[in-house]
C-alpha cells in the first residue's frame, strides 16, 4: 500500500501546483489521498470512486477534513435541501436561517450558535460563492468522533468525485478561510499573507 503524499507550501498557489502535478502523475484517481500543509493548518483530501459492478451501483465522494486547532464551542451541520429534509422541517425539525435567501433555499442548517455561524459563513464572499457553486454537499464542524478530546473536525463532503485540481483548490480555499476564522494562527514569516490564489 502506497503512502499518501504530503504537500507543504507557504502559498496556496504553490501548494496546489504540487497537488495538480501529483494528480496528473496518478494513473487513476479511484482512490486518492493527500495531506496539505499551509501556514500551520493541515487539511486532508480524499477522493473515492467505486465503479460498482454486477447488480451494485457505484459511488463517488470528495472529502476534505481539517482538525481545527484549539477549542471552539461552535458546532454546525450544513447539507443540501431535498424532499426528505423538507418533510423533516414540516414535522418540526429545526433549520437555522442564515439571513441569505440563496443559502437558505440551498441548505438545511443546524447549529448550537446561530449568530456565530452566520458571521462565519457570511463574512467572506468566497465562502458564500463556493457554497452556492458546489451545492449538494455536507459541511460540518463537530467533535472528532475518533478522538473527541483532540479537537473539532471541519469536514466537507460531496457525493461526487471532483478530480479537477482547480475545483478542489476552490473548496480548499473556502475551508482555509473558515479555518482562519475559527482558529487564527500567525502566518509563516517567509510566506506573508496569501490572497488565496
Protein backbone atom coordinates (compact mmCIF):
# COMPACT_ATOMS: atom_id res chain seq x y z
CA UNK A 1 0.00 0.00 0.00
CA UNK A 2 1.38 3.38 -1.02
CA UNK A 3 1.85 6.14 1.49
CA UNK A 4 -0.37 9.16 0.89
CA UNK A 5 1.62 12.14 -0.37
CA UNK A 6 2.11 15.18 1.84
CA UNK A 7 2.47 18.65 0.36
CA UNK A 8 3.60 21.81 2.08
CA UNK A 9 3.95 25.40 0.88
CA UNK A 10 3.71 28.96 2.16
CA UNK A 11 1.18 29.95 -0.50
CA UNK A 12 -1.95 28.29 -1.76
CA UNK A 13 -0.82 28.64 -5.38
CA UNK A 14 2.45 26.81 -4.72
CA UNK A 15 0.65 24.12 -2.73
CA UNK A 16 -1.88 23.41 -5.47
CA UNK A 17 0.79 23.34 -8.17
CA UNK A 18 2.27 20.39 -6.25
CA UNK A 19 -1.11 18.68 -5.85
CA UNK A 20 -2.06 19.17 -9.51
CA UNK A 21 1.29 17.74 -10.66
CA UNK A 22 0.85 14.71 -8.41
CA UNK A 23 -2.72 14.10 -9.58
CA UNK A 24 -1.55 14.31 -13.21
CA UNK A 25 1.05 11.59 -12.48
CA UNK A 26 -1.52 9.32 -10.81
CA UNK A 27 -2.71 6.69 -13.32
CA UNK A 28 -6.22 6.52 -11.91
CA UNK A 29 -7.91 8.55 -9.26
CA UNK A 30 -10.19 5.81 -7.95
CA UNK A 31 -8.62 6.35 -4.54
CA UNK A 32 -6.55 9.43 -3.94
CA UNK A 33 -5.47 10.85 -0.60
CA UNK A 34 -3.15 13.74 0.13
CA UNK A 35 -2.28 15.79 3.19
CA UNK A 36 -1.89 19.51 2.63
CA UNK A 37 0.09 21.78 4.98
CA UNK A 38 -0.05 25.56 4.73
CA UNK A 39 0.79 28.20 7.33
CA UNK A 40 0.14 25.96 10.33
CA UNK A 41 -3.07 24.38 9.01
CA UNK A 42 -3.38 20.78 7.87
CA UNK A 43 -6.12 19.56 5.53
CA UNK A 44 -6.61 16.03 4.26
CA UNK A 45 -8.08 15.46 0.79
CA UNK A 46 -9.69 12.14 -0.17
CA UNK A 47 -11.25 11.11 -3.47
CA UNK A 48 -13.03 7.76 -3.69
CA UNK A 49 -14.61 6.28 -6.80
CA UNK A 50 -16.22 2.84 -6.75
CA UNK A 51 -17.40 1.91 -10.22
CA UNK A 52 -19.70 -0.80 -8.85
CA UNK A 53 -20.39 -3.83 -10.94
CA UNK A 54 -22.97 -6.50 -11.46
CA UNK A 55 -26.05 -5.54 -9.50
CA UNK A 56 -24.22 -2.98 -7.40
CA UNK A 57 -24.22 0.65 -8.34
CA UNK A 58 -21.07 2.61 -7.74
CA UNK A 59 -20.46 5.70 -5.67
CA UNK A 60 -18.02 8.55 -5.55
CA UNK A 61 -17.04 11.11 -2.92
CA UNK A 62 -14.79 14.09 -2.42
CA UNK A 63 -13.88 14.74 1.21
CA UNK A 64 -11.74 17.39 2.89
CA UNK A 65 -11.02 17.12 6.65
CA UNK A 66 -9.19 19.50 8.93
CA UNK A 67 -8.72 19.49 12.68
CA UNK A 68 -9.47 22.98 13.98
CA UNK A 69 -6.56 23.98 16.23
CA UNK A 70 -7.56 24.99 19.75
CA UNK A 71 -11.05 24.85 21.17
CA UNK A 72 -14.25 26.11 19.59
CA UNK A 73 -17.70 25.96 21.12
CA UNK A 74 -19.35 26.29 17.70
CA UNK A 75 -20.75 23.16 16.07
CA UNK A 76 -22.82 23.02 12.90
CA UNK A 77 -24.05 20.85 10.05
CA UNK A 78 -24.98 22.26 6.68
CA UNK A 79 -26.37 20.00 3.95
CA UNK A 80 -28.41 20.27 0.79
CA UNK A 81 -32.15 20.73 0.74
CA UNK A 82 -34.05 17.72 -0.58
CA UNK A 83 -37.55 16.33 -0.18
CA UNK A 84 -36.58 14.20 2.86
CA UNK A 85 -35.29 17.23 4.73
CA UNK A 86 -38.24 19.35 3.60
CA UNK A 87 -40.52 16.68 5.11
CA UNK A 88 -38.45 16.78 8.30
CA UNK A 89 -38.97 20.54 8.56
CA UNK A 90 -42.72 20.03 8.20
CA UNK A 91 -42.51 17.53 11.07
CA UNK A 92 -40.75 20.04 13.32
CA UNK A 93 -37.00 19.65 12.71
CA UNK A 94 -35.23 22.96 13.25
CA UNK A 95 -33.50 24.73 10.37
CA UNK A 96 -31.45 27.84 11.16
CA UNK A 97 -32.00 30.72 8.75
CA UNK A 98 -28.70 32.26 7.65
CA UNK A 99 -30.11 35.58 6.52
CA UNK A 100 -29.18 34.90 2.89
CA UNK A 101 -32.12 33.84 0.69
CA UNK A 102 -29.99 31.79 -1.74
CA UNK A 103 -28.17 29.89 1.00
CA UNK A 104 -31.43 29.38 2.90
CA UNK A 105 -33.00 27.86 -0.24
CA UNK A 106 -29.99 25.64 -0.92
CA UNK A 107 -29.20 24.26 2.54
CA UNK A 108 -30.61 22.87 5.76
CA UNK A 109 -28.54 24.24 8.66
CA UNK A 110 -28.33 23.20 12.28
CA UNK A 111 -26.04 24.76 14.86
CA UNK A 112 -25.63 25.46 18.55
CA UNK A 113 -24.65 29.14 17.89
CA UNK A 114 -26.71 30.64 15.02
CA UNK A 115 -25.23 34.15 15.21
CA UNK A 116 -21.66 32.87 15.27
CA UNK A 117 -22.37 30.59 12.29
CA UNK A 118 -23.96 33.44 10.31
CA UNK A 119 -20.86 35.56 10.90
CA UNK A 120 -18.58 32.67 9.92
CA UNK A 121 -20.39 31.83 6.67
CA UNK A 122 -21.31 35.35 5.55
CA UNK A 123 -18.25 37.44 6.50
CA UNK A 124 -16.24 36.43 3.41
CA UNK A 125 -17.96 36.37 -0.01
CA UNK A 126 -15.71 33.49 -1.14
CA UNK A 127 -17.41 31.16 1.36
CA UNK A 128 -20.88 32.04 0.13
CA UNK A 129 -19.85 31.80 -3.53
CA UNK A 130 -18.26 28.37 -3.05
CA UNK A 131 -21.23 27.00 -1.10
CA UNK A 132 -23.56 28.07 -3.90
CA UNK A 133 -21.25 26.75 -6.62
CA UNK A 134 -20.82 23.28 -5.10
CA UNK A 135 -24.31 22.60 -3.77
CA UNK A 136 -25.41 19.10 -2.80
CA UNK A 137 -22.67 18.91 -0.21
CA UNK A 138 -22.30 18.46 3.51
CA UNK A 139 -20.18 20.83 5.57
CA UNK A 140 -19.93 20.28 9.29
CA UNK A 141 -17.95 21.25 12.33
CA UNK A 142 -18.17 18.61 15.07
CA UNK A 143 -16.09 16.88 17.70
CA UNK A 144 -13.76 14.35 16.09
CA UNK A 145 -15.54 11.00 16.66
CA UNK A 146 -12.23 9.14 16.63
CA UNK A 147 -10.72 11.38 19.31
CA UNK A 148 -13.24 13.79 20.89
CA UNK A 149 -10.58 15.18 23.24
CA UNK A 150 -8.34 16.07 20.27
CA UNK A 151 -10.49 18.88 18.98
CA UNK A 152 -13.07 19.79 16.42
CA UNK A 153 -13.17 18.49 12.88
CA UNK A 154 -14.19 20.65 9.90
CA UNK A 155 -15.40 18.33 7.13
CA UNK A 156 -16.57 18.94 3.58
CA UNK A 157 -18.18 16.01 1.74
CA UNK A 158 -19.65 15.89 -1.74
CA UNK A 159 -21.05 12.72 -3.28
CA UNK A 160 -19.20 13.37 -6.50
CA UNK A 161 -15.51 12.83 -7.22
CA UNK A 162 -14.12 16.22 -8.16
CA UNK A 163 -10.90 15.44 -9.99
CA UNK A 164 -10.21 18.89 -11.43
CA UNK A 165 -7.46 20.49 -9.29
CA UNK A 166 -8.88 23.99 -9.89
CA UNK A 167 -12.25 22.95 -8.40
CA UNK A 168 -10.54 21.22 -5.48
CA UNK A 169 -8.49 24.35 -4.84
CA UNK A 170 -11.66 26.48 -4.69
CA UNK A 171 -13.09 24.21 -2.00
CA UNK A 172 -9.77 24.08 -0.15
CA UNK A 173 -9.63 27.89 -0.21
CA UNK A 174 -13.10 28.11 1.33
CA UNK A 175 -12.04 25.70 4.10
CA UNK A 176 -8.85 27.67 4.70
CA UNK A 177 -10.90 30.88 5.05
CA UNK A 178 -13.13 29.11 7.60
CA UNK A 179 -10.14 27.67 9.48
CA UNK A 180 -8.51 31.09 9.71
CA UNK A 181 -11.72 32.50 11.21
CA UNK A 182 -12.22 29.59 13.61
CA UNK A 183 -8.61 29.39 14.78
CA UNK A 184 -6.45 32.34 13.71
CA UNK A 185 -2.76 31.46 13.54
CA UNK A 186 0.21 33.64 12.67
CA UNK A 187 1.30 33.25 9.06
CA UNK A 188 4.78 31.97 8.35
CA UNK A 189 7.14 34.92 8.27
CA UNK A 190 8.62 34.00 4.89
CA UNK A 191 5.30 33.50 3.13
CA UNK A 192 3.38 36.54 4.27
CA UNK A 193 -0.34 36.81 3.69
CA UNK A 194 -1.64 34.86 0.71
CA UNK A 195 -4.66 36.14 -1.13
CA UNK A 196 -5.68 32.51 -1.56
CA UNK A 197 -4.65 32.09 -5.17
